[in-house]
Amino acid sequence: MNERKRIKIAGSAGPGVRGGSARTRHARVLAVVMISFFLALTFFVTAPLSYAAAEKPIVLKLSSFLPETGTEGKMGRWWGSEVEKRTNGRVKVQYYFAESLVKTMDSLGAVSSGIADVQFFAPGYFPTQLPLSGGPDLIYQTRSNWVFAKAYNEMAHSFPPFVKMLKDNNILLMSSLPASEVVLLSAKPVKTLADIKGKKVRAMGLMNNAMKSLGATPVAMPLPEVYEALERGTIDAVTGLPYHLVVAFKLQEAAKHLVNPGIGCYASGGYFINLKTWAKLPDDIKQIIAKINDEFPDVAANMSNEQLKQTTETLLKAKVDIYSLPPDEVAKWKAILVPGVYDDWTKQMEAKGLPGKETLAKYQELIKKYIFSGIVLLCILALMTSEVVFRYAFNMPILGTVEISSYLLVIFGFTGMAYTQSQRAHIEIDLITMKLSPRTKHILRIVSLLLSLAAFALITWQTSLAFWKSWEIQEVRWGALPLPVWPVKFVIAFGSLVLCLQFVVDVIEELKKPYAERPQDPTAGAI
């Protein structure tokens, strides 16, 4: 009996022992799986870095006729340092400022031929090669340097005639630079129309004709030559001169009278890259640079506005007389300048078979777009700031702030999704795909687009049902400010629908031809 019990007990222990060994095996398998996972993750994270370290750096020569001390030079440094940092050293930038590589009037030829990979220049210096750039260079269009740069950038990448003009010169715009308002610097005061008549005024581009209209004698001259010309009396005044560049070229030493005629920002300048250089860059580096280009106007506008304060302080210390034309005098100048300059330019373009009127209309449309977006964002910021101040300083919260701001955020977010997709500006994570072949990337992009289309088709369907139900019951959001809910739900459904249509367009474009046969656009993804 005891023996039987011992046998039974021993037998019952057997399965327990076997169970313990099974758990051990499971634990070992789990440990192996976890270790393999972390090893794989480590490989995918570090492989691009080790690959980048083994790569021979790509060297880009960046050149500018302007000195490094101004916003243009500082932004060139910023752009180059960001490219080097974000590519983990795979791209190195060499700098050539103040005409150290090429002279001002050779800037376009230098970047077009590849002497410089990236070059800063003002298109207004080259009206023959870049005729349509005269549209954004027309006066009295905007006084905001940020609006000016954003509109110019979009024009250069979305308006077909403008895109073709740049391609024909083998260049691509990285970003326009938000220049400050254009001023007139003179040896003697210029405060009325009578004061400028008979004066020899350095001008550029279309301002030559403008100076003639005002009774002055225009003198074509690049900025680096202006200082000596003012000293010698070869010219009496200089325009086509952004305010912050007065100090950059030390012109306050040569002339002591500065007037802001109120003609706004028009002397466009920007950093351009050689098209062949751009085409040779790896796709992941193009995406990195495109992101930097997109940030460029915002960073430059802040830097330029800060430099304006320093410029004013320097001018006042140098005893420069700073004067702004009063509104009635601005109106007199504008009445003379606008009809002549605008009509002359559009007629010149149309005579050459170029879409002058269309170019001007498109640019003015973009100006209005960015002015409107800036006003809306300013209103939201003002509303939120006022709410914080009144709530914490006076214990008086502004009714409806949360409701209004949340509605506006939804509206802006969903109405902009399709456009953002069309520009391929949504955030993409390429940690793994950056190492894949172009054909594999092409296939994965189609799959990704189809999955996104399916997801947002479902979202469109569900939000449409939600909108219809909200409309039927006239749903209202209860709170400090009761607002109808159905308009917001409609915007969500409509924005999702338009995004679906954009996905369809993208899929069709990808499926048109096999990847290997599809011609590559060297300008794709620049911004």
Protein backbone atom coordinates (compact mmCIF):
# COMPACT_ATOMS: atom_id res chain seq x y z
CA MET A 1 0.00 0.00 0.00
CA ASN A 2 2.69 2.39 0.95
CA GLU A 3 4.59 1.36 -2.08
CA ARG A 4 1.55 2.06 -4.25
CA LYS A 5 1.20 5.52 -2.68
CA ARG A 6 4.81 6.23 -3.26
CA ILE A 7 4.39 5.19 -6.87
CA LYS A 8 1.29 7.35 -7.21
CA ILE A 9 2.96 10.31 -5.66
CA ALA A 10 5.95 9.82 -7.87
CA GLY A 11 3.66 9.52 -10.85
CA SER A 12 1.83 12.68 -9.95
CA ALA A 13 5.12 14.51 -9.67
CA GLY A 14 6.06 13.51 -13.18
CA PRO A 15 3.69 15.82 -15.01
CA GLY A 16 4.64 18.65 -12.70
CA VAL A 17 8.26 18.25 -13.64
CA ARG A 18 7.39 18.05 -17.32
CA GLY A 19 5.21 21.17 -16.98
CA GLY A 20 8.08 23.07 -15.40
CA SER A 21 10.44 22.15 -18.23
CA ALA A 22 7.83 23.29 -20.78
CA ARG A 23 7.57 26.67 -19.11
CA THR A 24 11.35 26.90 -19.22
CA ARG A 25 11.33 26.15 -22.91
CA HIS A 26 8.64 28.78 -23.51
CA ALA A 27 10.64 31.32 -21.56
CA ARG A 28 13.72 30.54 -23.64
CA VAL A 29 11.78 30.89 -26.87
CA LEU A 30 10.34 34.21 -25.69
CA ALA A 31 13.80 35.42 -24.71
CA VAL A 32 15.17 34.47 -28.15
CA VAL A 33 12.29 36.26 -29.87
CA MET A 34 12.78 39.42 -27.77
CA ILE A 35 16.54 39.44 -28.32
CA SER A 36 16.02 38.95 -32.07
CA PHE A 37 13.51 41.78 -32.12
CA PHE A 38 15.85 44.21 -30.37
CA LEU A 39 18.76 43.15 -32.57
CA ALA A 40 16.64 43.77 -35.67
CA LEU A 41 15.48 47.12 -34.31
CA THR A 42 19.07 48.09 -33.53
CA PHE A 43 20.10 47.12 -37.05
CA PHE A 44 17.41 49.24 -38.71
CA VAL A 45 18.18 52.22 -36.50
CA THR A 46 21.96 52.10 -36.77
CA ALA A 47 22.34 50.74 -40.29
CA PRO A 48 21.50 54.08 -41.97
CA LEU A 49 23.94 55.82 -39.62
CA SER A 50 26.77 53.39 -40.27
CA TYR A 51 25.98 53.53 -43.97
CA ALA A 52 26.12 57.32 -43.83
CA ALA A 53 29.46 57.18 -42.03
CA ALA A 54 30.90 54.90 -44.71
CA GLU A 55 29.62 57.07 -47.56
CA LYS A 56 31.85 59.66 -49.11
CA PRO A 57 30.28 63.05 -48.29
CA ILE A 58 28.53 64.96 -51.07
CA VAL A 59 30.09 68.43 -51.30
CA LEU A 60 27.91 71.40 -52.33
CA LYS A 61 29.44 74.77 -53.17
CA LEU A 62 27.19 77.59 -51.92
CA SER A 63 27.89 81.05 -53.33
CA SER A 64 26.47 84.55 -52.86
CA PHE A 65 27.47 87.99 -54.09
CA LEU A 66 26.25 89.41 -50.77
CA PRO A 67 28.35 89.57 -47.60
CA GLU A 68 27.95 86.95 -44.89
CA THR A 69 26.91 89.58 -42.32
CA GLY A 70 23.44 90.20 -43.78
CA THR A 71 20.31 88.06 -43.52
CA GLU A 72 21.06 86.50 -46.90
CA GLY A 73 24.51 85.34 -45.81
CA LYS A 74 23.35 84.19 -42.38
CA MET A 75 20.51 82.23 -43.95
CA GLY A 76 22.95 80.63 -46.37
CA ARG A 77 24.95 79.47 -43.35
CA TRP A 78 21.77 78.29 -41.63
CA TRP A 79 20.66 76.32 -44.69
CA GLY A 80 24.06 74.68 -45.06
CA SER A 81 24.41 73.82 -41.38
CA GLU A 82 20.92 72.30 -41.28
CA VAL A 83 21.65 70.21 -44.37
CA GLU A 84 24.88 68.91 -42.83
CA LYS A 85 23.23 68.21 -39.47
CA ARG A 86 20.08 66.50 -40.75
CA THR A 87 21.96 64.33 -43.24
CA ASN A 88 24.36 63.21 -40.48
CA GLY A 89 27.31 64.59 -42.41
CA ARG A 90 26.47 62.87 -45.71
CA VAL A 91 26.37 66.35 -47.27
CA LYS A 92 29.04 69.01 -46.68
CA VAL A 93 28.63 72.65 -47.73
CA GLN A 94 31.44 74.96 -48.79
CA TYR A 95 30.70 78.70 -48.56
CA TYR A 96 31.72 81.52 -50.90
CA PHE A 97 30.34 84.92 -49.90
CA ALA A 98 30.88 88.51 -51.14
CA GLU A 99 31.68 87.52 -54.76
CA SER A 100 34.53 85.24 -53.64
CA LEU A 101 33.54 82.61 -56.23
CA VAL A 102 31.82 84.59 -59.00
CA LYS A 103 30.82 88.21 -59.65
CA THR A 104 27.25 89.40 -59.19
CA MET A 105 26.34 89.44 -62.88
CA ASP A 106 27.78 85.95 -63.34
CA SER A 107 25.58 84.43 -60.61
CA LEU A 108 22.96 82.88 -62.89
CA GLY A 109 25.55 81.49 -65.27
CA ALA A 110 27.54 80.06 -62.36
CA VAL A 111 24.70 77.98 -60.93
CA SER A 112 23.32 77.11 -64.36
CA SER A 113 26.67 75.72 -65.50
CA GLY A 114 27.53 74.04 -62.18
CA ILE A 115 30.42 76.31 -61.13
CA ALA A 116 28.30 76.81 -58.02
CA ASP A 117 25.92 74.11 -56.83
CA VAL A 118 23.79 76.54 -54.82
CA GLN A 119 23.78 80.26 -55.62
CA PHE A 120 22.06 83.29 -54.16
CA PHE A 121 21.05 85.93 -56.70
CA ALA A 122 18.26 88.34 -57.56
CA PRO A 123 16.35 87.26 -60.71
CA GLY A 124 15.75 90.95 -61.48
CA TYR A 125 19.39 91.14 -62.61
CA PHE A 126 18.60 88.74 -65.45
CA PRO A 127 15.38 89.91 -67.18
CA THR A 128 16.36 88.30 -70.48
CA GLN A 129 16.90 84.78 -69.09
CA LEU A 130 14.22 85.01 -66.35
CA PRO A 131 11.56 87.32 -67.81
CA LEU A 132 8.55 86.08 -65.81
CA SER A 133 10.35 86.83 -62.54
CA GLY A 134 9.42 90.45 -63.24
CA GLY A 135 5.83 89.71 -62.16
CA PRO A 136 6.71 89.21 -58.46
CA ASP A 137 9.16 92.10 -58.79
CA LEU A 138 6.39 94.61 -59.51
CA ILE A 139 5.97 97.25 -56.83
CA TYR A 140 3.05 97.89 -54.44
CA GLN A 141 2.02 94.23 -54.08
CA THR A 142 2.82 93.47 -50.43
CA ARG A 143 4.68 95.02 -47.52
CA SER A 144 5.11 91.68 -45.73
CA ASN A 145 8.41 89.96 -46.40
CA TRP A 146 7.01 86.60 -45.21
CA VAL A 147 4.01 86.81 -47.57
CA PHE A 148 6.34 87.83 -50.39
CA ALA A 149 8.66 84.82 -49.88
CA LYS A 150 5.88 82.25 -49.43
CA ALA A 151 4.04 83.44 -52.53
CA TYR A 152 7.24 83.49 -54.61
CA ASN A 153 8.17 79.96 -53.49
CA GLU A 154 4.78 78.54 -54.42
CA MET A 155 4.87 80.40 -57.73
CA ALA A 156 8.25 78.90 -58.60
CA HIS A 157 7.09 75.34 -57.90
CA SER A 158 3.45 75.29 -59.01
CA PHE A 159 2.95 77.77 -61.87
CA PRO A 160 3.91 75.82 -65.05
CA PRO A 161 5.32 78.75 -67.10
CA PHE A 162 7.49 79.78 -64.14
CA VAL A 163 8.65 76.21 -63.54
CA LYS A 164 9.57 75.88 -67.22
CA MET A 165 11.51 79.15 -67.17
CA LEU A 166 13.69 77.89 -64.32
CA LYS A 167 14.14 74.48 -65.98
CA ASP A 168 15.26 76.14 -69.21
CA ASN A 169 18.05 77.77 -67.19
CA ASN A 170 18.96 74.46 -65.50
CA ILE A 171 18.10 75.79 -62.03
CA LEU A 172 15.62 75.08 -59.27
CA LEU A 173 14.58 77.44 -56.48
CA MET A 174 15.44 76.24 -52.99
CA SER A 175 13.73 79.21 -51.35
CA SER A 176 13.14 82.87 -51.89
CA LEU A 177 14.45 85.08 -49.11
CA PRO A 178 12.05 87.37 -47.23
CA ALA A 179 13.61 90.72 -48.05
CA SER A 180 12.65 93.83 -46.14
CA GLU A 181 10.82 96.76 -47.72
CA VAL A 182 12.67 98.53 -50.50
CA VAL A 183 13.93 102.03 -49.65
CA LEU A 184 15.65 104.90 -51.40
CA LEU A 185 19.00 106.13 -50.03
CA SER A 186 20.30 109.46 -51.31
CA ALA A 187 23.00 112.05 -50.80
CA LYS A 188 20.33 114.79 -50.51
CA PRO A 189 16.83 114.56 -48.99
CA VAL A 190 14.04 113.10 -51.16
CA LYS A 191 10.66 113.85 -49.61
CA THR A 192 8.53 114.84 -52.60
CA LEU A 193 8.27 114.09 -56.30
CA ALA A 194 10.05 117.34 -57.05
CA ASP A 195 13.09 116.22 -55.03
CA ILE A 196 13.76 113.17 -57.20
CA LYS A 197 13.47 114.82 -60.60
CA GLY A 198 16.76 115.08 -62.43
CA LYS A 199 18.55 112.76 -59.94
CA LYS A 200 20.76 109.89 -61.14
CA VAL A 201 19.29 106.87 -59.36
CA ARG A 202 20.70 103.37 -59.30
CA ALA A 203 17.82 100.99 -60.01
CA MET A 204 17.31 97.39 -61.09
CA GLY A 205 14.89 95.70 -63.44
CA LEU A 206 11.54 97.38 -63.81
CA MET A 207 12.46 100.21 -61.46
CA ASN A 208 14.51 101.70 -64.29
CA ASN A 209 11.25 102.58 -66.07
CA ALA A 210 9.73 103.66 -62.76
CA MET A 211 12.54 106.16 -62.18
CA LYS A 212 12.02 107.56 -65.66
CA SER A 213 8.32 108.02 -64.87
CA LEU A 214 9.27 110.06 -61.81
CA GLY A 215 11.62 112.26 -63.83
CA ALA A 216 14.87 110.69 -62.60
CA THR A 217 17.70 109.20 -64.66
CA PRO A 218 18.04 105.46 -63.98
CA VAL A 219 21.51 103.90 -63.78
CA ALA A 220 21.80 100.09 -63.95
CA MET A 221 24.37 98.86 -61.44
CA PRO A 222 24.87 95.80 -59.17
CA LEU A 223 24.75 96.49 -55.44
CA PRO A 224 28.45 95.81 -54.70
CA GLU A 225 29.36 98.81 -56.91
CA VAL A 226 26.94 101.28 -55.27
CA TYR A 227 29.16 102.40 -52.38
CA GLU A 228 31.91 103.68 -54.65
CA ALA A 229 29.38 105.24 -57.05
CA LEU A 230 27.78 107.22 -54.22
CA GLU A 231 31.17 108.37 -52.94
CA ARG A 232 32.29 109.56 -56.38
CA GLY A 233 28.96 111.15 -57.24
CA THR A 234 28.38 108.86 -60.20
CA ILE A 235 24.88 108.40 -58.79
CA ASP A 236 22.83 110.63 -56.48
CA ALA A 237 20.65 107.90 -54.96
CA VAL A 238 20.01 104.16 -54.91
CA THR A 239 16.75 102.19 -54.89
CA GLY A 240 15.93 98.54 -55.45
CA LEU A 241 17.56 98.32 -52.03
CA PRO A 242 15.99 96.28 -49.20
CA TYR A 243 16.25 98.22 -45.95
CA HIS A 244 18.47 95.71 -44.12
CA LEU A 245 21.10 95.73 -46.90
CA VAL A 246 21.93 99.39 -46.30
CA VAL A 247 24.12 98.43 -43.35
CA ALA A 248 25.31 95.15 -44.91
CA PHE A 249 27.02 97.22 -47.65
CA LYS A 250 27.92 100.07 -45.24
CA LEU A 251 26.06 102.53 -47.45
CA GLN A 252 25.27 104.72 -44.43
CA GLU A 253 28.85 105.93 -44.74
CA ALA A 254 28.28 107.18 -48.30
CA ALA A 255 24.78 108.71 -48.06
CA LYS A 256 22.86 110.17 -45.13
CA HIS A 257 19.24 110.43 -46.28
CA LEU A 258 16.92 107.42 -46.36
CA VAL A 259 13.26 107.44 -47.34
CA ASN A 260 10.69 104.64 -47.33
CA PRO A 261 8.47 105.40 -50.33
CA GLY A 262 5.95 102.69 -49.35
CA ILE A 263 6.40 100.57 -52.47
CA GLY A 264 6.71 97.35 -50.46
CA CYS A 265 8.79 94.20 -50.92
CA TYR A 266 9.69 93.40 -54.49
CA ALA A 267 13.45 92.95 -54.96
CA SER A 268 13.25 89.15 -55.03
CA GLY A 269 16.34 87.14 -54.23
CA GLY A 270 16.78 83.51 -53.35
CA TYR A 271 18.99 80.45 -53.23
CA PHE A 272 18.90 78.36 -56.40
CA ILE A 273 20.42 74.93 -57.02
CA ASN A 274 21.83 73.48 -60.24
CA LEU A 275 19.21 71.11 -61.67
CA LYS A 276 21.71 68.35 -62.46
CA THR A 277 23.16 68.60 -58.96
CA TRP A 278 19.66 68.22 -57.53
CA ALA A 279 18.85 65.24 -59.76
CA LYS A 280 21.96 63.37 -58.56
CA LEU A 281 21.09 63.67 -54.88
CA PRO A 282 19.67 60.54 -53.21
CA ASP A 283 15.91 60.64 -52.67
CA ASP A 284 16.16 60.69 -48.88
CA ILE A 285 18.54 63.67 -48.99
CA LYS A 286 16.16 65.47 -51.36
CA GLN A 287 13.37 64.99 -48.83
CA ILE A 288 15.54 66.36 -46.04
CA ILE A 289 16.50 69.42 -48.07
CA ALA A 290 12.88 69.95 -49.14
CA LYS A 291 11.87 70.09 -45.49
CA ILE A 292 14.61 72.65 -44.78
CA ASN A 293 13.50 74.69 -47.80
CA ASP A 294 9.96 74.69 -46.45
CA GLU A 295 11.16 76.08 -43.10
CA PHE A 296 13.44 78.65 -44.76
CA PRO A 297 10.98 81.58 -45.16
CA ASP A 298 9.79 81.36 -41.54
CA VAL A 299 13.30 81.30 -40.10
CA ALA A 300 14.50 84.01 -42.49
CA ALA A 301 11.52 86.29 -41.76
CA ASN A 302 12.24 86.13 -38.03
CA MET A 303 15.94 86.74 -38.63
CA SER A 304 15.23 89.60 -41.04
CA ASN A 305 12.81 91.30 -38.65
CA GLU A 306 15.37 91.10 -35.87
CA GLN A 307 18.01 92.56 -38.15
CA LEU A 308 15.71 95.47 -39.02
CA LYS A 309 15.97 96.67 -35.42
CA GLN A 310 19.75 96.44 -35.53
CA THR A 311 19.78 98.24 -38.89
CA THR A 312 17.73 101.13 -37.51
CA GLU A 313 20.02 101.45 -34.48
CA THR A 314 23.11 101.49 -36.71
CA LEU A 315 21.62 104.09 -39.06
CA LEU A 316 20.64 106.37 -36.21
CA LYS A 317 24.14 106.13 -34.72
CA ALA A 318 25.53 107.05 -38.13
CA LYS A 319 23.21 110.11 -38.11
CA VAL A 320 21.22 108.98 -41.14
CA ASP A 321 17.96 110.88 -41.62
CA ILE A 322 15.20 108.21 -41.80
CA TYR A 323 11.92 109.37 -43.31
CA SER A 324 8.71 107.70 -44.52
CA LEU A 325 6.56 109.33 -47.17
CA PRO A 326 3.18 110.46 -45.78
CA PRO A 327 0.06 108.75 -47.23
CA ASP A 328 -0.79 111.61 -49.59
CA GLU A 329 2.71 111.60 -51.09
CA VAL A 330 2.65 107.77 -51.38
CA ALA A 331 -0.61 108.11 -53.33
CA LYS A 332 1.02 110.57 -55.75
CA TRP A 333 3.96 108.25 -56.43
CA LYS A 334 1.66 105.25 -56.80
CA ALA A 335 -0.62 107.05 -59.27
CA ILE A 336 2.37 107.67 -61.55
CA LEU A 337 4.21 104.38 -61.09
CA VAL A 338 1.60 101.61 -61.08
CA PRO A 339 -0.12 102.17 -64.45
CA GLY A 340 3.13 102.63 -66.34
CA VAL A 341 5.14 99.86 -64.72
CA TYR A 342 2.38 97.23 -64.73
CA ASP A 343 1.22 97.95 -68.27
CA ASP A 344 4.76 98.12 -69.65
CA TRP A 345 5.71 94.77 -68.15
CA THR A 346 2.60 92.86 -69.23
CA LYS A 347 2.88 94.28 -72.77
CA GLN A 348 6.55 93.29 -72.96
CA MET A 349 5.73 89.73 -71.88
CA GLU A 350 2.78 89.36 -74.24
CA ALA A 351 4.92 90.67 -77.12
CA LYS A 352 7.37 87.83 -76.41
CA GLY A 353 4.58 85.28 -76.35
CA LEU A 354 4.81 84.92 -72.56
CA PRO A 355 1.81 84.90 -70.18
CA GLY A 356 2.43 88.23 -68.50
CA LYS A 357 -1.14 88.92 -67.37
CA GLU A 358 -1.60 85.34 -66.18
CA THR A 359 1.68 85.45 -64.24
CA LEU A 360 0.75 88.69 -62.51
CA ALA A 361 -2.77 87.45 -61.71
CA LYS A 362 -1.41 84.19 -60.28
CA TYR A 363 1.12 85.96 -58.08
CA GLN A 364 -1.48 88.41 -56.76
CA GLU A 365 -3.78 85.48 -56.02
CA LEU A 366 -1.02 83.85 -53.95
CA ILE A 367 -0.34 87.14 -52.16
CA LYS A 368 -4.00 87.31 -51.10
CA LYS A 369 -3.91 83.66 -50.03
CA TYR A 370 -0.99 84.14 -47.66
CA ILE A 371 -2.25 87.47 -46.36
CA PHE A 372 -5.57 85.80 -45.53
CA SER A 373 -3.91 82.81 -43.84
CA GLY A 374 -1.71 85.14 -41.82
CA ILE A 375 -4.72 87.21 -40.69
CA VAL A 376 -6.65 84.09 -39.66
CA LEU A 377 -3.73 82.69 -37.66
CA LEU A 378 -3.22 86.09 -36.06
CA CYS A 379 -6.88 86.17 -35.03
CA ILE A 380 -6.65 82.70 -33.44
CA LEU A 381 -3.48 83.71 -31.62
CA ALA A 382 -5.08 86.95 -30.43
CA LEU A 383 -8.14 85.07 -29.20
CA MET A 384 -6.12 82.49 -27.26
CA THR A 385 -3.77 85.12 -25.81
CA SER A 386 -6.70 87.27 -24.69
CA GLU A 387 -8.30 84.25 -23.04
CA VAL A 388 -5.15 83.47 -21.05
CA VAL A 389 -4.66 87.11 -19.99
CA PHE A 390 -8.27 87.69 -18.95
CA ARG A 391 -8.58 84.31 -17.19
CA TYR A 392 -5.44 84.58 -15.07
CA ALA A 393 -5.02 88.34 -14.69
CA PHE A 394 -8.65 89.37 -14.18
CA ASN A 395 -10.40 86.04 -13.47
CA MET A 396 -12.69 86.80 -16.42
CA PRO A 397 -12.48 84.02 -19.04
CA ILE A 398 -13.74 84.95 -22.50
CA LEU A 399 -16.88 82.97 -23.29
CA GLY A 400 -16.67 80.73 -26.33
CA THR A 401 -12.89 80.74 -26.72
CA VAL A 402 -12.57 76.95 -26.50
CA GLU A 403 -15.51 76.36 -28.84
CA ILE A 404 -14.38 78.83 -31.50
CA SER A 405 -10.71 77.77 -31.48
CA SER A 406 -11.59 74.06 -31.65
CA TYR A 407 -13.95 74.68 -34.58
CA LEU A 408 -11.32 76.67 -36.45
CA LEU A 409 -8.63 74.05 -35.88
CA VAL A 410 -10.89 71.31 -37.28
CA ILE A 411 -11.78 73.44 -40.30
CA PHE A 412 -8.18 74.33 -41.12
CA GLY A 413 -6.94 70.80 -40.52
CA PHE A 414 -9.43 68.95 -42.72
CA THR A 415 -9.68 71.50 -45.53
CA GLY A 416 -5.91 71.43 -45.94
CA MET A 417 -5.35 67.66 -45.98
CA ALA A 418 -5.86 67.13 -49.72
CA TYR A 419 -3.63 70.05 -50.67
CA THR A 420 -0.93 68.84 -48.31
CA GLN A 421 -1.15 65.38 -49.89
CA SER A 422 -0.90 66.87 -53.39
CA GLN A 423 2.34 68.55 -52.32
CA ARG A 424 3.57 65.33 -50.66
CA ALA A 425 4.04 67.37 -47.50
CA HIS A 426 2.58 64.94 -44.99
CA ILE A 427 5.09 63.49 -42.53
CA GLU A 428 6.74 60.34 -43.85
CA ILE A 429 8.94 57.94 -41.89
CA ASP A 430 11.60 56.44 -44.15
CA LEU A 431 13.80 54.73 -41.56
CA ILE A 432 13.48 51.40 -43.40
CA THR A 433 12.36 52.39 -46.92
CA MET A 434 15.36 54.68 -47.46
CA LYS A 435 17.51 51.55 -47.94
CA LEU A 436 15.16 49.87 -50.44
CA SER A 437 15.50 49.90 -54.21
CA PRO A 438 13.56 52.50 -56.25
CA ARG A 439 11.27 49.80 -57.68
CA THR A 440 10.43 48.46 -54.21
CA LYS A 441 9.76 51.99 -52.98
CA HIS A 442 7.45 52.51 -55.95
CA ILE A 443 5.46 49.36 -55.15
CA LEU A 444 5.23 50.21 -51.46
CA ARG A 445 4.04 53.71 -52.29
CA ILE A 446 1.18 52.28 -54.37
CA VAL A 447 0.25 49.90 -51.54
CA SER A 448 0.44 52.77 -49.04
CA LEU A 449 -1.80 54.96 -51.20
CA LEU A 450 -4.36 52.18 -51.61
CA LEU A 451 -4.44 51.50 -47.86
CA SER A 452 -4.79 55.22 -47.16
CA LEU A 453 -7.59 55.45 -49.72
CA ALA A 454 -9.42 52.54 -48.07
CA ALA A 455 -9.01 54.03 -44.60
CA PHE A 456 -10.24 57.49 -45.58
CA ALA A 457 -13.07 56.07 -47.69
CA LEU A 458 -14.31 54.43 -44.49
CA ILE A 459 -13.80 57.68 -42.57
CA THR A 460 -15.70 59.61 -45.29
CA TRP A 461 -18.60 57.17 -45.14
CA GLN A 462 -18.88 57.22 -41.36
CA THR A 463 -18.46 60.99 -41.01
CA SER A 464 -21.03 61.56 -43.78
CA LEU A 465 -23.55 59.50 -41.81
CA ALA A 466 -22.64 61.46 -38.68
CA PHE A 467 -23.08 64.75 -40.53
CA TRP A 468 -26.48 63.75 -41.91
CA LYS A 469 -27.74 62.68 -38.50
CA SER A 470 -26.42 65.89 -36.95
CA TRP A 471 -28.16 67.92 -39.66
CA GLU A 472 -31.48 66.14 -39.15
CA ILE A 473 -31.59 66.76 -35.42
CA GLN A 474 -29.88 70.18 -35.67
CA GLU A 475 -27.30 69.08 -33.12
CA VAL A 476 -25.83 71.84 -30.95
CA ARG A 477 -22.72 71.77 -28.83
CA TRP A 478 -23.67 72.87 -25.36
CA GLY A 479 -21.26 75.07 -23.50
CA ALA A 480 -20.46 78.69 -22.88
CA LEU A 481 -21.25 79.39 -26.54
CA PRO A 482 -23.81 76.98 -28.06
CA LEU A 483 -22.76 76.35 -31.66
CA PRO A 484 -24.27 74.00 -34.28
CA VAL A 485 -22.22 70.84 -34.72
CA TRP A 486 -23.26 69.83 -38.23
CA PRO A 487 -21.05 72.40 -40.08
CA VAL A 488 -17.92 70.96 -38.48
CA LYS A 489 -18.99 67.39 -39.22
CA PHE A 490 -19.66 68.41 -42.82
CA VAL A 491 -16.15 69.86 -43.11
CA ILE A 492 -14.65 66.61 -41.76
CA ALA A 493 -16.64 64.51 -44.24
CA PHE A 494 -15.97 66.84 -47.17
CA GLY A 495 -12.25 67.18 -46.37
CA SER A 496 -11.94 63.38 -46.14
CA LEU A 497 -13.75 62.97 -49.47
CA VAL A 498 -11.46 65.42 -51.26
CA LEU A 499 -8.45 63.63 -49.74
CA CYS A 500 -9.80 60.34 -51.13
CA LEU A 501 -10.01 61.91 -54.58
CA GLN A 502 -6.41 63.07 -54.23
CA PHE A 503 -5.37 59.53 -53.30
CA VAL A 504 -7.10 58.27 -56.46
CA VAL A 505 -5.19 60.82 -58.54
CA ASP A 506 -1.92 59.78 -56.90
CA VAL A 507 -2.57 56.08 -57.50
CA ILE A 508 -3.39 56.72 -61.17
CA GLU A 509 -0.19 58.74 -61.57
CA GLU A 510 1.85 55.95 -59.99
CA LEU A 511 0.22 53.28 -62.16
CA LYS A 512 0.57 55.10 -65.47
CA LYS A 513 3.89 53.49 -66.25
CA PRO A 514 6.17 50.94 -64.60
CA TYR A 515 8.74 52.60 -62.38
CA ALA A 516 11.68 51.71 -64.58
CA GLU A 517 10.03 53.34 -67.61
CA ARG A 518 8.69 56.43 -65.89
CA PRO A 519 10.78 59.53 -66.65
CA GLN A 520 12.07 61.16 -63.49
CA ASP A 521 11.36 64.82 -62.91
CA PRO A 522 14.55 66.35 -61.50
CA THR A 523 12.56 69.15 -59.88
CA ALA A 524 10.30 66.83 -57.89
CA GLY A 525 10.28 67.31 -54.15
CA ALA A 526 12.25 70.54 -54.01
CA ILE A 527 9.85 72.10 -51.60
